[in-house]
Amino acid sequence: MASSSGTVIVVMGVSGAGKTTLGRRLEKEMKYKYLDADDFHSESNKEKMHMGIPLTDEDRMPWLESLRDTIKEYLNNKKGLILGCSALKKQYREVLRSGDPGYKWGSYASAVNFILLDAPAEVLSVRVNKRAAEGKHYMPASLLQSQLDLLKIDESEGILRVDATLRPQAIVNTILNMHQFQGCIQS
């Protein structure tokens, strides 16, 4: 059964970590709506990435604010949401957490939970190159290193880490068995 106040799970990580694959599988298992943060990027952001130009904080802020507003809508309606989002920096995650109307900045106590899909750069590079060769994403592999450089995790945030080199169903099972998400599965 879902939390009576709604829960948001942000499946985070750099490009190629498996956010979409895992988010869609969690959507089926948990009966929460899955949204891909990439769909919220402006056309100009997508074009910059397609051209191999890393986004700036200024580029990302309207995107993050749109995601925050979507999170707020789900929580206000007491619905569960799974969001696939890079969420590379603490300040970005703070914007997302602020979608929880009761969130106090810097407390990290929020209905917005983060799960980092963690994988070695070599594995990520193979995945991103394969996806780019198949024409399945607008972001070229050349931007992977800029994302890895931006990814900063403060242990005090309580971000859960999952080994993204495991088979997708094994990762889903790991997440579903985390005590934070017990009782979040709708029947």
N, C-alpha and C. Protein backbone atom coordinates (compact mmCIF):
# COMPACT_ATOMS: atom_id res chain seq x y z
N MET A 1 0.85 -1.17 0.00
CA MET A 1 0.00 0.00 0.00
C MET A 1 0.89 1.23 0.00
N ALA A 2 0.46 2.27 -0.68
CA ALA A 2 1.26 3.48 -0.81
C ALA A 2 1.19 4.30 0.47
N SER A 3 2.21 5.07 0.69
CA SER A 3 2.22 6.00 1.80
C SER A 3 1.03 6.94 1.67
N SER A 4 0.36 7.26 2.78
CA SER A 4 -0.81 8.13 2.71
C SER A 4 -0.44 9.55 2.33
N SER A 5 0.82 9.92 2.46
CA SER A 5 1.23 11.27 2.11
C SER A 5 1.98 11.33 0.79
N GLY A 6 2.11 10.19 0.10
CA GLY A 6 2.85 10.15 -1.16
C GLY A 6 4.34 10.02 -0.91
N THR A 7 5.00 9.43 -1.86
CA THR A 7 6.44 9.22 -1.79
C THR A 7 7.01 9.47 -3.18
N VAL A 8 8.19 10.09 -3.21
CA VAL A 8 8.89 10.30 -4.46
C VAL A 8 10.24 9.60 -4.35
N ILE A 9 10.54 8.79 -5.35
CA ILE A 9 11.83 8.13 -5.43
C ILE A 9 12.53 8.68 -6.66
N VAL A 10 13.68 9.32 -6.44
CA VAL A 10 14.48 9.82 -7.55
C VAL A 10 15.57 8.80 -7.81
N VAL A 11 15.48 8.15 -8.97
CA VAL A 11 16.51 7.21 -9.41
C VAL A 11 17.54 8.07 -10.13
N MET A 12 18.71 8.22 -9.52
CA MET A 12 19.67 9.21 -10.00
C MET A 12 20.97 8.58 -10.46
N GLY A 13 21.72 9.36 -11.21
CA GLY A 13 23.02 8.94 -11.68
C GLY A 13 23.33 9.59 -13.02
N VAL A 14 24.52 9.38 -13.48
CA VAL A 14 24.95 9.97 -14.74
C VAL A 14 24.30 9.22 -15.91
N SER A 15 24.51 9.74 -17.08
CA SER A 15 24.00 9.11 -18.29
C SER A 15 24.56 7.69 -18.40
N GLY A 16 23.70 6.74 -18.73
CA GLY A 16 24.12 5.36 -18.89
C GLY A 16 24.03 4.53 -17.62
N ALA A 17 23.62 5.14 -16.52
CA ALA A 17 23.53 4.40 -15.25
C ALA A 17 22.35 3.42 -15.23
N GLY A 18 21.33 3.70 -16.05
CA GLY A 18 20.17 2.81 -16.09
C GLY A 18 18.91 3.41 -15.48
N LYS A 19 18.85 4.73 -15.38
CA LYS A 19 17.72 5.38 -14.73
C LYS A 19 16.38 5.04 -15.40
N THR A 20 16.33 5.11 -16.71
CA THR A 20 15.07 4.84 -17.41
C THR A 20 14.68 3.37 -17.30
N THR A 21 15.62 2.49 -17.53
CA THR A 21 15.34 1.05 -17.43
C THR A 21 14.80 0.70 -16.05
N LEU A 22 15.48 1.18 -15.02
CA LEU A 22 15.07 0.86 -13.65
C LEU A 22 13.79 1.57 -13.26
N GLY A 23 13.67 2.84 -13.68
CA GLY A 23 12.46 3.59 -13.36
C GLY A 23 11.21 2.94 -13.93
N ARG A 24 11.29 2.46 -15.15
CA ARG A 24 10.14 1.80 -15.78
C ARG A 24 9.81 0.48 -15.08
N ARG A 25 10.83 -0.24 -14.68
CA ARG A 25 10.58 -1.50 -13.96
C ARG A 25 9.97 -1.24 -12.59
N LEU A 26 10.49 -0.21 -11.90
CA LEU A 26 9.92 0.14 -10.59
C LEU A 26 8.47 0.60 -10.73
N GLU A 27 8.18 1.31 -11.81
CA GLU A 27 6.82 1.77 -12.06
C GLU A 27 5.87 0.57 -12.09
N LYS A 28 6.26 -0.49 -12.78
CA LYS A 28 5.42 -1.68 -12.87
C LYS A 28 5.28 -2.37 -11.51
N GLU A 29 6.38 -2.48 -10.80
CA GLU A 29 6.37 -3.19 -9.51
C GLU A 29 5.63 -2.42 -8.42
N MET A 30 5.83 -1.09 -8.39
CA MET A 30 5.29 -0.28 -7.29
C MET A 30 3.96 0.38 -7.63
N LYS A 31 3.61 0.37 -8.92
CA LYS A 31 2.38 1.04 -9.38
C LYS A 31 2.45 2.54 -9.12
N TYR A 32 3.65 3.10 -9.15
CA TYR A 32 3.87 4.54 -9.10
C TYR A 32 4.06 5.01 -10.53
N LYS A 33 3.79 6.26 -10.78
CA LYS A 33 4.05 6.85 -12.10
C LYS A 33 5.55 7.07 -12.25
N TYR A 34 6.09 6.73 -13.44
CA TYR A 34 7.49 7.01 -13.75
C TYR A 34 7.56 8.19 -14.71
N LEU A 35 8.41 9.15 -14.39
CA LEU A 35 8.69 10.27 -15.28
C LEU A 35 10.18 10.36 -15.51
N ASP A 36 10.56 10.65 -16.75
CA ASP A 36 11.97 10.82 -17.10
C ASP A 36 12.27 12.31 -17.13
N ALA A 37 13.19 12.75 -16.29
CA ALA A 37 13.53 14.17 -16.21
C ALA A 37 14.03 14.72 -17.55
N ASP A 38 14.60 13.87 -18.39
CA ASP A 38 15.06 14.32 -19.70
C ASP A 38 13.91 14.93 -20.51
N ASP A 39 12.70 14.45 -20.29
CA ASP A 39 11.54 14.95 -21.03
C ASP A 39 11.17 16.37 -20.61
N PHE A 40 11.72 16.85 -19.51
CA PHE A 40 11.42 18.18 -19.00
C PHE A 40 12.44 19.23 -19.47
N HIS A 41 13.52 18.78 -20.13
CA HIS A 41 14.52 19.73 -20.63
C HIS A 41 13.93 20.57 -21.76
N SER A 42 14.35 21.81 -21.82
CA SER A 42 13.95 22.68 -22.92
C SER A 42 14.63 22.19 -24.20
N GLU A 43 14.08 22.60 -25.33
CA GLU A 43 14.70 22.24 -26.61
C GLU A 43 16.12 22.81 -26.70
N SER A 44 16.34 24.01 -26.15
CA SER A 44 17.69 24.59 -26.21
C SER A 44 18.67 23.77 -25.38
N ASN A 45 18.24 23.24 -24.23
CA ASN A 45 19.13 22.38 -23.44
C ASN A 45 19.45 21.10 -24.20
N LYS A 46 18.42 20.50 -24.81
CA LYS A 46 18.64 19.26 -25.57
C LYS A 46 19.59 19.51 -26.74
N GLU A 47 19.44 20.65 -27.39
CA GLU A 47 20.30 20.99 -28.52
C GLU A 47 21.75 21.18 -28.07
N LYS A 48 21.93 21.87 -26.93
CA LYS A 48 23.29 22.05 -26.40
C LYS A 48 23.94 20.70 -26.13
N MET A 49 23.20 19.82 -25.47
CA MET A 49 23.76 18.51 -25.15
C MET A 49 24.06 17.72 -26.42
N HIS A 50 23.14 17.80 -27.37
CA HIS A 50 23.34 17.09 -28.65
C HIS A 50 24.63 17.56 -29.33
N MET A 51 24.95 18.84 -29.17
CA MET A 51 26.16 19.40 -29.78
C MET A 51 27.40 19.15 -28.92
N GLY A 52 27.22 18.46 -27.78
CA GLY A 52 28.35 18.15 -26.92
C GLY A 52 28.73 19.27 -25.97
N ILE A 53 27.83 20.22 -25.75
CA ILE A 53 28.09 21.34 -24.84
C ILE A 53 27.47 21.03 -23.49
N PRO A 54 28.28 20.95 -22.43
CA PRO A 54 27.72 20.69 -21.10
C PRO A 54 26.79 21.82 -20.66
N LEU A 55 25.74 21.47 -19.94
CA LEU A 55 24.81 22.47 -19.42
C LEU A 55 25.44 23.17 -18.22
N THR A 56 25.07 24.43 -18.06
CA THR A 56 25.50 25.21 -16.90
C THR A 56 24.43 25.13 -15.82
N ASP A 57 24.74 25.60 -14.64
CA ASP A 57 23.73 25.68 -13.58
C ASP A 57 22.57 26.56 -14.04
N GLU A 58 22.89 27.63 -14.76
CA GLU A 58 21.85 28.53 -15.27
C GLU A 58 20.92 27.80 -16.24
N ASP A 59 21.49 26.94 -17.08
CA ASP A 59 20.68 26.13 -18.01
C ASP A 59 19.77 25.18 -17.24
N ARG A 60 20.28 24.63 -16.17
CA ARG A 60 19.56 23.58 -15.44
C ARG A 60 18.46 24.10 -14.52
N MET A 61 18.58 25.35 -14.04
CA MET A 61 17.66 25.82 -13.01
C MET A 61 16.18 25.78 -13.44
N PRO A 62 15.79 26.29 -14.60
CA PRO A 62 14.37 26.18 -14.98
C PRO A 62 13.90 24.73 -15.08
N TRP A 63 14.78 23.85 -15.53
CA TRP A 63 14.48 22.42 -15.62
C TRP A 63 14.24 21.86 -14.22
N LEU A 64 15.13 22.17 -13.28
CA LEU A 64 14.99 21.68 -11.91
C LEU A 64 13.73 22.23 -11.26
N GLU A 65 13.42 23.49 -11.51
CA GLU A 65 12.21 24.09 -10.93
C GLU A 65 10.95 23.43 -11.48
N SER A 66 10.97 23.06 -12.74
CA SER A 66 9.85 22.35 -13.34
C SER A 66 9.68 20.97 -12.69
N LEU A 67 10.80 20.30 -12.47
CA LEU A 67 10.76 18.99 -11.78
C LEU A 67 10.25 19.15 -10.35
N ARG A 68 10.74 20.18 -9.66
CA ARG A 68 10.29 20.44 -8.29
C ARG A 68 8.78 20.64 -8.26
N ASP A 69 8.25 21.41 -9.21
CA ASP A 69 6.81 21.67 -9.24
C ASP A 69 6.02 20.39 -9.51
N THR A 70 6.56 19.52 -10.34
CA THR A 70 5.92 18.23 -10.61
C THR A 70 5.92 17.37 -9.35
N ILE A 71 7.04 17.33 -8.65
CA ILE A 71 7.13 16.59 -7.39
C ILE A 71 6.08 17.11 -6.41
N LYS A 72 5.99 18.41 -6.29
CA LYS A 72 5.03 19.03 -5.36
C LYS A 72 3.61 18.61 -5.70
N GLU A 73 3.28 18.59 -7.00
CA GLU A 73 1.95 18.18 -7.43
C GLU A 73 1.64 16.74 -7.01
N TYR A 74 2.60 15.84 -7.21
CA TYR A 74 2.39 14.44 -6.82
C TYR A 74 2.22 14.31 -5.31
N LEU A 75 3.06 14.99 -4.55
CA LEU A 75 2.96 14.90 -3.09
C LEU A 75 1.67 15.53 -2.58
N ASN A 76 1.29 16.67 -3.14
CA ASN A 76 0.04 17.31 -2.71
C ASN A 76 -1.17 16.43 -3.00
N ASN A 77 -1.09 15.64 -4.06
CA ASN A 77 -2.18 14.72 -4.41
C ASN A 77 -2.01 13.34 -3.79
N LYS A 78 -1.01 13.21 -2.90
CA LYS A 78 -0.74 11.97 -2.16
C LYS A 78 -0.54 10.78 -3.09
N LYS A 79 0.23 11.03 -4.17
CA LYS A 79 0.52 9.99 -5.14
C LYS A 79 2.01 9.68 -5.14
N GLY A 80 2.32 8.44 -5.48
CA GLY A 80 3.72 8.03 -5.58
C GLY A 80 4.29 8.37 -6.94
N LEU A 81 5.57 8.74 -6.96
CA LEU A 81 6.25 9.11 -8.19
C LEU A 81 7.66 8.54 -8.19
N ILE A 82 8.06 8.02 -9.33
CA ILE A 82 9.44 7.63 -9.56
C ILE A 82 9.96 8.56 -10.64
N LEU A 83 11.05 9.25 -10.33
CA LEU A 83 11.63 10.22 -11.25
C LEU A 83 13.03 9.80 -11.61
N GLY A 84 13.29 9.58 -12.88
CA GLY A 84 14.65 9.31 -13.35
C GLY A 84 15.32 10.64 -13.63
N CYS A 85 16.36 10.97 -12.86
CA CYS A 85 16.97 12.30 -12.96
C CYS A 85 18.43 12.21 -12.56
N SER A 86 19.29 12.89 -13.29
CA SER A 86 20.72 12.85 -12.97
C SER A 86 20.99 13.36 -11.56
N ALA A 87 20.39 14.48 -11.17
CA ALA A 87 20.53 15.04 -9.81
C ALA A 87 21.99 15.02 -9.34
N LEU A 88 22.86 15.57 -10.15
CA LEU A 88 24.30 15.41 -9.95
C LEU A 88 24.88 16.14 -8.74
N LYS A 89 24.32 17.30 -8.40
CA LYS A 89 24.89 18.11 -7.33
C LYS A 89 23.90 18.26 -6.18
N LYS A 90 24.46 18.48 -4.99
CA LYS A 90 23.62 18.64 -3.81
C LYS A 90 22.62 19.78 -4.00
N GLN A 91 23.05 20.89 -4.59
CA GLN A 91 22.13 22.01 -4.78
C GLN A 91 20.97 21.62 -5.70
N TYR A 92 21.21 20.75 -6.67
CA TYR A 92 20.12 20.28 -7.54
C TYR A 92 19.15 19.41 -6.74
N ARG A 93 19.71 18.54 -5.91
CA ARG A 93 18.86 17.66 -5.09
C ARG A 93 18.06 18.48 -4.08
N GLU A 94 18.63 19.57 -3.59
CA GLU A 94 17.90 20.43 -2.66
C GLU A 94 16.68 21.05 -3.36
N VAL A 95 16.84 21.46 -4.60
CA VAL A 95 15.70 22.01 -5.35
C VAL A 95 14.62 20.93 -5.47
N LEU A 96 15.02 19.71 -5.78
CA LEU A 96 14.04 18.61 -5.91
C LEU A 96 13.39 18.32 -4.56
N ARG A 97 14.17 18.27 -3.49
CA ARG A 97 13.60 18.02 -2.16
C ARG A 97 12.58 19.09 -1.78
N SER A 98 12.81 20.31 -2.25
CA SER A 98 11.91 21.41 -1.88
C SER A 98 10.52 21.25 -2.52
N GLY A 99 10.34 20.25 -3.36
CA GLY A 99 9.01 19.90 -3.85
C GLY A 99 8.13 19.35 -2.74
N ASP A 100 8.75 18.90 -1.66
CA ASP A 100 8.04 18.46 -0.46
C ASP A 100 7.66 19.73 0.30
N PRO A 101 6.36 20.05 0.39
CA PRO A 101 5.95 21.30 1.02
C PRO A 101 6.48 21.49 2.45
N GLY A 102 6.76 20.41 3.15
CA GLY A 102 7.23 20.52 4.53
C GLY A 102 8.75 20.48 4.66
N TYR A 103 9.45 20.49 3.54
CA TYR A 103 10.90 20.35 3.59
C TYR A 103 11.59 21.62 4.10
N LYS A 104 12.57 21.41 5.01
CA LYS A 104 13.43 22.50 5.48
C LYS A 104 14.79 22.32 4.84
N TRP A 105 15.23 23.31 4.06
CA TRP A 105 16.50 23.24 3.33
C TRP A 105 17.64 22.83 4.25
N GLY A 106 18.42 21.87 3.77
CA GLY A 106 19.59 21.41 4.50
C GLY A 106 19.32 20.31 5.51
N SER A 107 18.04 19.97 5.73
CA SER A 107 17.72 18.94 6.72
C SER A 107 17.82 17.53 6.14
N TYR A 108 17.62 17.40 4.84
CA TYR A 108 17.62 16.15 4.10
C TYR A 108 16.47 15.22 4.49
N ALA A 109 15.60 15.65 5.40
CA ALA A 109 14.43 14.87 5.81
C ALA A 109 13.27 15.27 4.89
N SER A 110 12.93 14.40 3.95
CA SER A 110 11.97 14.76 2.92
C SER A 110 11.24 13.52 2.43
N ALA A 111 10.07 13.74 1.84
CA ALA A 111 9.34 12.66 1.18
C ALA A 111 9.99 12.33 -0.17
N VAL A 112 11.03 13.09 -0.54
CA VAL A 112 11.78 12.86 -1.77
C VAL A 112 13.03 12.07 -1.42
N ASN A 113 13.09 10.84 -1.91
CA ASN A 113 14.19 9.91 -1.61
C ASN A 113 15.06 9.73 -2.85
N PHE A 114 16.37 9.59 -2.63
CA PHE A 114 17.30 9.45 -3.75
C PHE A 114 17.99 8.10 -3.70
N ILE A 115 18.07 7.46 -4.87
CA ILE A 115 18.81 6.22 -5.02
C ILE A 115 19.82 6.42 -6.15
N LEU A 116 21.09 6.31 -5.82
CA LEU A 116 22.16 6.48 -6.80
C LEU A 116 22.46 5.15 -7.47
N LEU A 117 22.36 5.13 -8.79
CA LEU A 117 22.78 3.97 -9.56
C LEU A 117 24.27 4.15 -9.83
N ASP A 118 25.05 3.36 -9.15
CA ASP A 118 26.50 3.52 -9.13
C ASP A 118 27.17 2.48 -10.02
N ALA A 119 28.01 2.94 -10.95
CA ALA A 119 28.73 2.03 -11.85
C ALA A 119 30.06 2.66 -12.23
N PRO A 120 31.06 1.84 -12.51
CA PRO A 120 32.36 2.37 -12.94
C PRO A 120 32.25 3.12 -14.27
N ALA A 121 33.11 4.10 -14.45
CA ALA A 121 33.10 4.92 -15.67
C ALA A 121 33.21 4.07 -16.93
N GLU A 122 33.98 2.99 -16.88
CA GLU A 122 34.16 2.14 -18.07
C GLU A 122 32.83 1.51 -18.50
N VAL A 123 32.06 1.06 -17.53
CA VAL A 123 30.76 0.44 -17.82
C VAL A 123 29.81 1.49 -18.39
N LEU A 124 29.79 2.66 -17.78
CA LEU A 124 28.93 3.75 -18.24
C LEU A 124 29.27 4.16 -19.67
N SER A 125 30.56 4.24 -19.96
CA SER A 125 31.01 4.65 -21.28
C SER A 125 30.53 3.67 -22.36
N VAL A 126 30.64 2.38 -22.08
CA VAL A 126 30.17 1.37 -23.03
C VAL A 126 28.67 1.53 -23.27
N ARG A 127 27.92 1.72 -22.21
CA ARG A 127 26.46 1.87 -22.35
C ARG A 127 26.09 3.13 -23.15
N VAL A 128 26.74 4.24 -22.82
CA VAL A 128 26.42 5.50 -23.50
C VAL A 128 26.81 5.44 -24.98
N ASN A 129 27.96 4.86 -25.27
CA ASN A 129 28.39 4.72 -26.66
C ASN A 129 27.42 3.84 -27.45
N LYS A 130 26.96 2.76 -26.83
CA LYS A 130 26.02 1.85 -27.50
C LYS A 130 24.70 2.58 -27.79
N ARG A 131 24.22 3.30 -26.80
CA ARG A 131 22.96 4.04 -26.96
C ARG A 131 23.10 5.11 -28.04
N ALA A 132 24.23 5.81 -28.04
CA ALA A 132 24.47 6.86 -29.06
C ALA A 132 24.53 6.25 -30.45
N ALA A 133 25.19 5.10 -30.58
CA ALA A 133 25.30 4.43 -31.88
C ALA A 133 23.94 3.99 -32.40
N GLU A 134 23.05 3.66 -31.48
CA GLU A 134 21.69 3.23 -31.85
C GLU A 134 20.76 4.42 -32.07
N GLY A 135 21.26 5.64 -31.82
CA GLY A 135 20.44 6.84 -31.98
C GLY A 135 19.34 6.95 -30.95
N LYS A 136 19.56 6.40 -29.76
CA LYS A 136 18.50 6.36 -28.74
C LYS A 136 18.55 7.51 -27.74
N HIS A 137 19.48 8.42 -27.85
CA HIS A 137 19.55 9.53 -26.90
C HIS A 137 20.25 10.70 -27.54
N TYR A 138 19.87 11.89 -27.11
CA TYR A 138 20.46 13.10 -27.69
C TYR A 138 21.80 13.47 -27.09
N MET A 139 22.16 12.86 -25.96
CA MET A 139 23.42 13.24 -25.32
C MET A 139 24.56 12.36 -25.81
N PRO A 140 25.61 12.96 -26.35
CA PRO A 140 26.73 12.15 -26.83
C PRO A 140 27.61 11.65 -25.68
N ALA A 141 28.33 10.58 -25.96
CA ALA A 141 29.22 9.99 -24.96
C ALA A 141 30.28 10.97 -24.49
N SER A 142 30.59 11.97 -25.31
CA SER A 142 31.62 12.94 -24.95
C SER A 142 31.26 13.74 -23.70
N LEU A 143 29.97 13.79 -23.33
CA LEU A 143 29.55 14.54 -22.14
C LEU A 143 29.58 13.71 -20.86
N LEU A 144 29.83 12.42 -20.98
CA LEU A 144 29.82 11.57 -19.79
C LEU A 144 30.82 12.05 -18.75
N GLN A 145 32.03 12.38 -19.16
CA GLN A 145 33.04 12.80 -18.19
C GLN A 145 32.63 14.07 -17.45
N SER A 146 31.97 15.00 -18.16
CA SER A 146 31.53 16.22 -17.48
C SER A 146 30.49 15.90 -16.41
N GLN A 147 29.65 14.90 -16.66
CA GLN A 147 28.68 14.49 -15.64
C GLN A 147 29.37 13.81 -14.46
N LEU A 148 30.32 12.94 -14.76
CA LEU A 148 31.06 12.28 -13.67
C LEU A 148 31.80 13.31 -12.81
N ASP A 149 32.33 14.34 -13.45
CA ASP A 149 33.02 15.39 -12.70
C ASP A 149 32.07 16.17 -11.81
N LEU A 150 30.82 16.34 -12.24
CA LEU A 150 29.83 17.09 -11.46
C LEU A 150 29.21 16.28 -10.33
N LEU A 151 29.16 14.97 -10.48
CA LEU A 151 28.49 14.12 -9.49
C LEU A 151 29.19 14.21 -8.15
N LYS A 152 28.50 14.77 -7.19
CA LYS A 152 29.03 14.93 -5.83
C LYS A 152 27.97 14.43 -4.85
N ILE A 153 28.38 13.50 -3.99
CA ILE A 153 27.47 12.94 -3.00
C ILE A 153 28.02 13.26 -1.61
N ASP A 154 27.19 13.90 -0.82
CA ASP A 154 27.51 14.18 0.58
C ASP A 154 26.86 13.06 1.40
N GLU A 155 27.67 12.31 2.11
CA GLU A 155 27.15 11.15 2.85
C GLU A 155 26.04 11.55 3.82
N SER A 156 26.05 12.79 4.31
CA SER A 156 25.03 13.22 5.27
C SER A 156 23.64 13.31 4.62
N GLU A 157 23.58 13.30 3.30
CA GLU A 157 22.29 13.36 2.61
C GLU A 157 21.50 12.06 2.73
N GLY A 158 22.18 10.98 3.05
CA GLY A 158 21.48 9.70 3.20
C GLY A 158 21.03 9.10 1.88
N ILE A 159 21.78 9.37 0.83
CA ILE A 159 21.44 8.82 -0.49
C ILE A 159 21.78 7.33 -0.51
N LEU A 160 20.82 6.53 -0.95
CA LEU A 160 21.03 5.09 -1.04
C LEU A 160 21.80 4.79 -2.31
N ARG A 161 22.72 3.85 -2.24
CA ARG A 161 23.51 3.46 -3.41
C ARG A 161 23.18 2.04 -3.80
N VAL A 162 23.08 1.84 -5.11
CA VAL A 162 22.81 0.51 -5.65
C VAL A 162 23.82 0.25 -6.76
N ASP A 163 24.33 -0.96 -6.80
CA ASP A 163 25.30 -1.36 -7.82
C ASP A 163 24.58 -1.48 -9.17
N ALA A 164 24.86 -0.53 -10.06
CA ALA A 164 24.19 -0.49 -11.36
C ALA A 164 24.77 -1.45 -12.38
N THR A 165 25.73 -2.27 -11.96
CA THR A 165 26.24 -3.29 -12.88
C THR A 165 25.47 -4.60 -12.76
N LEU A 166 24.59 -4.68 -11.77
CA LEU A 166 23.76 -5.87 -11.60
C LEU A 166 22.70 -5.92 -12.69
N ARG A 167 22.09 -7.08 -12.87
CA ARG A 167 20.97 -7.21 -13.80
C ARG A 167 19.82 -6.30 -13.34
N PRO A 168 19.07 -5.72 -14.26
CA PRO A 168 18.00 -4.79 -13.86
C PRO A 168 17.03 -5.34 -12.81
N GLN A 169 16.59 -6.59 -12.97
CA GLN A 169 15.64 -7.12 -11.98
C GLN A 169 16.29 -7.27 -10.61
N ALA A 170 17.57 -7.60 -10.57
CA ALA A 170 18.27 -7.69 -9.28
C ALA A 170 18.33 -6.32 -8.61
N ILE A 171 18.52 -5.27 -9.40
CA ILE A 171 18.54 -3.92 -8.85
C ILE A 171 17.16 -3.55 -8.32
N VAL A 172 16.11 -3.84 -9.09
CA VAL A 172 14.75 -3.56 -8.65
C VAL A 172 14.47 -4.29 -7.34
N ASN A 173 14.83 -5.57 -7.26
CA ASN A 173 14.61 -6.34 -6.03
C ASN A 173 15.36 -5.72 -4.86
N THR A 174 16.58 -5.28 -5.09
CA THR A 174 17.36 -4.63 -4.04
C THR A 174 16.63 -3.39 -3.53
N ILE A 175 16.14 -2.57 -4.45
CA ILE A 175 15.44 -1.35 -4.06
C ILE A 175 14.15 -1.68 -3.31
N LEU A 176 13.38 -2.63 -3.80
CA LEU A 176 12.12 -2.99 -3.16
C LEU A 176 12.33 -3.55 -1.76
N ASN A 177 13.50 -4.13 -1.53
CA ASN A 177 13.80 -4.70 -0.22
C ASN A 177 14.42 -3.71 0.75
N MET A 178 14.71 -2.49 0.30
CA MET A 178 15.24 -1.46 1.20
C MET A 178 14.13 -1.05 2.15
N HIS A 179 14.44 -0.98 3.42
CA HIS A 179 13.39 -0.72 4.42
C HIS A 179 12.65 0.59 4.19
N GLN A 180 13.28 1.57 3.57
CA GLN A 180 12.61 2.85 3.31
C GLN A 180 11.41 2.69 2.39
N PHE A 181 11.41 1.64 1.58
CA PHE A 181 10.36 1.48 0.58
C PHE A 181 9.42 0.32 0.90
N GLN A 182 9.59 -0.30 2.06
CA GLN A 182 8.65 -1.33 2.47
C GLN A 182 7.28 -0.68 2.65
N GLY A 183 6.26 -1.26 2.13
CA GLY A 183 4.91 -0.70 2.26
C GLY A 183 4.57 0.31 1.19
N CYS A 184 5.48 0.56 0.25
CA CYS A 184 5.20 1.53 -0.82
C CYS A 184 4.62 0.87 -2.06
N ILE A 185 4.50 -0.44 -2.05
CA ILE A 185 4.01 -1.14 -3.23
C ILE A 185 2.49 -1.19 -3.18
N GLN A 186 1.85 -0.71 -4.23
CA GLN A 186 0.40 -0.74 -4.32
C GLN A 186 -0.03 -2.06 -4.94
N SER A 187 -1.12 -2.59 -4.45
CA SER A 187 -1.61 -3.84 -5.04
C SER A 187 -2.76 -3.60 -5.97
